[in-house]
Amino acid sequence: MVEHEALRATRQAYDDVASTYADLFRDSLRDLPLDRAILNAFAELARAAGDGRVADLGCGPGHVTAYLEESGTSAFGIDASPAMIELARRFSPGLRFEVGSMTALNLPDDALGGVLSRWSVIHTPPAELPPILAEFHRVLAPGGHLLIGFSATDGAAHPTREFDHAVAPAYRWWPDHLAALLRATGLTEVARMVREPEPTDLRQFQEVHLLARKAPTAAPGADGS
C-alpha cells in the first residue's frame, strides 16, 4: 500500500517531540479512571478470542501497552515513529515494540484477540480511514474486539472536522459516523463510552471510546447442516 503524505508528516512530527510527549503522557492513565475501566473490559474480551494477544497500534511511548500487560493481557505495540518505539523499548524492555504502519500491518489474518487504536487514527485524513479500519478487521480473529478512541465533533451535521492539534493536523469524528464506517468493514459496535471535557481542559471536546466486535465464526452445524 502506498504511504500517504499525512503519515510521513505525522511520523516526523512525533519523532521531533517524542521525549516531551512521553514525559507528558506516560502516567496519564493514573488520572483517567473511566479510561482504565473500558481498557480493562476490552482486555478481558480480547483474551477470549484468537490467541488472546492485543496489538496497541499507535502505541507511542508504550504506556498503555505496559498497562495492558500488567493487567494480565499479552500486548505488543506498533508505532510509525522510530523515536517513540525507541522510548517504548527503553521504558518497557520486556515487551515487544515495532516500527510499523496501520495502513499495512505485518500481522497474519484472523490472529489477534484485540486491536487497540487509542487516538492513533486522529491524524488520518478521512478519505484514508476506511482502508485502515479494514486492516484492523483483517488481523482480528473471529469474535475479536477493537477499541478505538478519538475526539468527537460537535454534532451529526459535522461527521468529521479538522482541529488544531499540538503535534500534527488532526480530525474529530461524529461517533455515529465512525460507527457506520466500522460496520461497513464488518465490525459491529457493542459499547460506547463518552467522556465529557473537564472545565479546565484546553479543548472542550467529548472524548469517545467505541468498542466493536468482529463477527464470530459459526459453530459447526449451526446452519443445520
Protein backbone atom coordinates (compact mmCIF):
# COMPACT_ATOMS: atom_id res chain seq x y z
CA MET A 1 0.00 0.00 0.00
CA VAL A 2 1.32 3.44 -0.89
CA GLU A 3 2.13 5.56 2.15
CA HIS A 4 0.22 8.82 2.15
CA GLU A 5 1.86 12.18 2.80
CA ALA A 6 -0.03 12.74 6.06
CA LEU A 7 1.59 9.62 7.55
CA ARG A 8 5.09 10.75 6.63
CA ALA A 9 4.46 14.21 8.09
CA THR A 10 2.95 12.78 11.27
CA ARG A 11 5.86 10.37 11.76
CA GLN A 12 8.36 13.21 11.52
CA ALA A 13 6.33 15.42 13.86
CA TYR A 14 6.18 12.73 16.56
CA ASP A 15 9.86 11.89 16.15
CA ASP A 16 10.59 15.54 16.88
CA VAL A 17 8.56 15.67 20.11
CA ALA A 18 8.91 12.08 21.33
CA SER A 19 10.68 12.82 24.62
CA THR A 20 8.36 15.68 25.55
CA TYR A 21 5.29 13.63 24.63
CA ALA A 22 6.48 10.69 26.74
CA ASP A 23 7.04 12.95 29.76
CA LEU A 24 3.51 14.36 29.43
CA PHE A 25 1.58 11.13 28.91
CA ARG A 26 3.47 8.23 30.49
CA ASP A 27 1.40 8.46 33.69
CA SER A 28 -1.79 9.83 32.13
CA LEU A 29 -3.93 6.75 32.86
CA ARG A 30 -3.45 7.30 36.58
CA ASP A 31 -5.90 10.23 36.45
CA LEU A 32 -8.38 8.64 33.99
CA PRO A 33 -10.44 6.01 35.87
CA LEU A 34 -13.08 5.74 33.14
CA ASP A 35 -10.42 5.10 30.50
CA ARG A 36 -8.90 2.41 32.70
CA ALA A 37 -12.33 0.83 33.12
CA ILE A 38 -13.00 0.47 29.40
CA LEU A 39 -9.45 -0.69 28.77
CA ASN A 40 -9.95 -3.41 31.38
CA ALA A 41 -13.25 -4.51 29.82
CA PHE A 42 -11.67 -4.55 26.35
CA ALA A 43 -8.71 -6.58 27.61
CA GLU A 44 -10.97 -9.17 29.23
CA LEU A 45 -12.92 -9.60 25.99
CA ALA A 46 -9.74 -9.75 23.89
CA ARG A 47 -8.28 -12.56 25.97
CA ALA A 48 -11.19 -14.79 24.91
CA ALA A 49 -10.60 -14.57 21.12
CA GLY A 50 -7.88 -15.72 18.74
CA ASP A 51 -4.54 -16.08 20.51
CA GLY A 52 -5.65 -13.54 23.11
CA ARG A 53 -2.98 -11.01 22.19
CA VAL A 54 -3.64 -7.30 21.80
CA ALA A 55 -1.88 -5.03 19.32
CA ASP A 56 -1.61 -1.44 20.59
CA LEU A 57 -1.50 0.46 17.30
CA GLY A 58 -0.01 3.92 17.54
CA CYS A 59 1.44 2.92 20.91
CA GLY A 60 3.65 5.99 21.34
CA PRO A 61 5.99 5.52 24.33
CA GLY A 62 4.19 2.30 25.25
CA HIS A 63 2.50 3.33 28.49
CA VAL A 64 -0.87 1.80 27.55
CA THR A 65 0.79 -1.34 26.18
CA ALA A 66 2.51 -1.75 29.53
CA TYR A 67 -0.77 -1.19 31.38
CA LEU A 68 -2.45 -3.96 29.39
CA GLU A 69 0.45 -6.33 30.04
CA GLU A 70 0.42 -5.56 33.76
CA SER A 71 -3.32 -6.30 33.86
CA GLY A 72 -2.75 -9.82 32.54
CA THR A 73 -3.14 -9.33 28.77
CA SER A 74 -0.40 -10.27 26.31
CA ALA A 75 0.18 -7.00 24.46
CA PHE A 76 2.64 -5.54 21.99
CA GLY A 77 2.97 -2.11 20.42
CA ILE A 78 3.38 -0.75 16.91
CA ASP A 79 4.03 2.89 16.02
CA ALA A 80 5.10 4.73 12.88
CA SER A 81 7.58 6.86 14.84
CA PRO A 82 11.00 5.23 15.36
CA ALA A 83 11.74 7.70 18.17
CA MET A 84 8.58 6.63 20.02
CA ILE A 85 9.45 2.96 19.62
CA GLU A 86 12.95 3.60 20.95
CA LEU A 87 11.45 5.20 24.07
CA ALA A 88 8.89 2.40 24.49
CA ARG A 89 11.64 -0.22 24.38
CA ARG A 90 13.64 1.75 26.94
CA PHE A 91 10.71 2.16 29.35
CA SER A 92 9.41 -1.43 28.98
CA PRO A 93 12.36 -3.59 27.87
CA GLY A 94 10.48 -6.83 28.39
CA LEU A 95 7.75 -6.00 25.89
CA ARG A 96 7.67 -6.19 22.10
CA PHE A 97 7.57 -2.90 20.20
CA GLU A 98 7.94 -2.48 16.43
CA VAL A 99 8.02 0.35 13.91
CA GLY A 100 5.13 -0.11 11.51
CA SER A 101 2.13 1.44 9.82
CA MET A 102 -1.58 0.87 10.38
CA THR A 103 -2.04 1.01 6.61
CA ALA A 104 -0.23 -2.33 6.14
CA LEU A 105 0.29 -4.33 9.33
CA ASN A 106 2.90 -7.07 9.27
CA LEU A 107 0.49 -9.44 11.00
CA PRO A 108 -1.37 -12.56 9.83
CA ASP A 109 -5.07 -12.66 9.12
CA ASP A 110 -7.52 -13.58 11.91
CA ALA A 111 -4.85 -13.71 14.60
CA LEU A 112 -5.45 -11.19 17.38
CA GLY A 113 -7.90 -11.16 20.23
CA GLY A 114 -7.85 -7.38 20.29
CA VAL A 115 -6.75 -4.25 18.46
CA LEU A 116 -6.35 -1.02 20.40
CA SER A 117 -6.33 2.26 18.48
CA ARG A 118 -6.24 4.94 21.15
CA TRP A 119 -6.16 8.35 19.48
CA SER A 120 -3.93 6.86 16.78
CA VAL A 121 -6.29 7.45 13.83
CA ILE A 122 -6.92 11.13 14.56
CA HIS A 123 -4.12 12.20 12.20
CA THR A 124 -5.55 10.15 9.32
CA PRO A 125 -7.36 12.17 6.63
CA PRO A 126 -10.99 10.98 6.46
CA ALA A 127 -10.62 9.53 2.96
CA GLU A 128 -7.73 7.36 4.16
CA LEU A 129 -9.51 5.89 7.19
CA PRO A 130 -11.67 3.09 5.67
CA PRO A 131 -8.66 1.04 4.45
CA ILE A 132 -7.14 1.28 7.92
CA LEU A 133 -10.35 0.05 9.53
CA ALA A 134 -10.36 -2.82 7.03
CA GLU A 135 -6.82 -3.66 8.12
CA PHE A 136 -7.97 -3.77 11.75
CA HIS A 137 -10.71 -6.19 10.72
CA ARG A 138 -8.25 -8.36 8.77
CA VAL A 139 -5.91 -9.01 11.71
CA LEU A 140 -8.66 -9.61 14.28
CA ALA A 141 -9.73 -13.16 14.96
CA PRO A 142 -13.43 -14.01 14.65
CA GLY A 143 -15.01 -12.71 17.84
CA GLY A 144 -12.10 -10.35 18.46
CA HIS A 145 -12.60 -6.77 19.61
CA LEU A 146 -11.42 -3.35 18.52
CA LEU A 147 -11.29 -0.42 20.94
CA ILE A 148 -10.88 2.89 19.13
CA GLY A 149 -10.52 6.24 20.90
CA PHE A 150 -10.98 9.67 19.35
CA SER A 151 -12.33 13.19 19.90
CA ALA A 152 -15.92 13.90 18.85
CA THR A 153 -17.26 16.63 16.61
CA ASP A 154 -20.00 18.99 17.78
CA GLY A 155 -22.90 17.14 16.13
CA ALA A 156 -24.17 14.95 13.31
CA ALA A 157 -24.02 17.89 10.91
CA HIS A 158 -20.21 17.65 11.11
CA PRO A 159 -19.24 13.96 10.64
CA THR A 160 -15.57 14.95 10.50
CA ARG A 161 -13.80 18.16 11.38
CA GLU A 162 -10.13 19.13 11.39
CA PHE A 163 -8.76 20.70 14.55
CA ASP A 164 -5.55 22.36 15.66
CA HIS A 165 -3.51 19.61 17.29
CA ALA A 166 -0.25 20.46 19.06
CA VAL A 167 1.81 17.94 17.05
CA ALA A 168 0.23 17.37 13.62
CA PRO A 169 -3.03 18.07 11.75
CA ALA A 170 -5.82 16.02 13.27
CA TYR A 171 -9.50 15.21 12.83
CA ARG A 172 -12.52 14.76 15.08
CA TRP A 173 -15.34 12.35 14.24
CA TRP A 174 -19.05 12.17 14.96
CA PRO A 175 -19.35 8.83 16.81
CA ASP A 176 -22.30 7.54 14.79
CA HIS A 177 -20.43 8.25 11.56
CA LEU A 178 -17.35 6.37 12.70
CA ALA A 179 -19.53 3.50 13.95
CA ALA A 180 -21.07 3.29 10.46
CA LEU A 181 -17.61 3.06 8.90
CA LEU A 182 -16.79 0.24 11.31
CA ARG A 183 -19.98 -1.61 10.32
CA ALA A 184 -19.01 -1.29 6.66
CA THR A 185 -15.80 -3.22 7.40
CA GLY A 186 -17.58 -5.96 9.38
CA LEU A 187 -17.02 -4.56 12.89
CA THR A 188 -20.18 -4.12 14.97
CA GLU A 189 -20.32 -1.62 17.82
CA VAL A 190 -21.08 -3.28 21.15
CA ALA A 191 -20.38 -0.44 23.58
CA ARG A 192 -19.57 3.25 23.69
CA MET A 193 -18.04 5.43 26.39
CA VAL A 194 -18.31 9.22 26.09
CA ARG A 195 -16.26 11.31 28.50
CA GLU A 196 -17.25 14.94 28.82
CA PRO A 197 -14.44 17.53 28.98
CA GLU A 198 -13.37 18.95 32.31
CA PRO A 199 -13.82 22.73 32.73
CA THR A 200 -10.03 23.07 32.82
CA ASP A 201 -9.44 21.14 29.56
CA LEU A 202 -7.81 23.22 26.85
CA ARG A 203 -10.08 21.69 24.21
CA GLN A 204 -13.76 21.31 25.08
CA PHE A 205 -14.24 18.12 23.08
CA GLN A 206 -16.02 14.95 24.09
CA GLU A 207 -13.61 12.02 24.23
CA VAL A 208 -15.09 8.80 22.87
CA HIS A 209 -14.19 5.12 23.01
CA LEU A 210 -16.03 2.78 20.65
CA LEU A 211 -15.82 -0.94 21.34
CA ALA A 212 -16.58 -3.08 18.28
CA ARG A 213 -16.55 -6.80 17.58
CA LYS A 214 -15.67 -8.90 14.55
CA ALA A 215 -18.34 -11.50 13.89
CA PRO A 216 -17.54 -14.91 15.40
CA THR A 217 -17.24 -17.98 13.21
CA ALA A 218 -20.42 -20.03 13.22
CA ALA A 219 -20.14 -23.25 15.17
CA PRO A 220 -20.13 -26.47 13.08
CA GLY A 221 -23.68 -27.46 12.32
CA ALA A 222 -25.09 -24.09 13.39
CA ASP A 223 -26.73 -23.73 9.97
CA GLY A 224 -28.49 -27.04 10.43
CA SER A 225 -26.10 -29.00 8.22
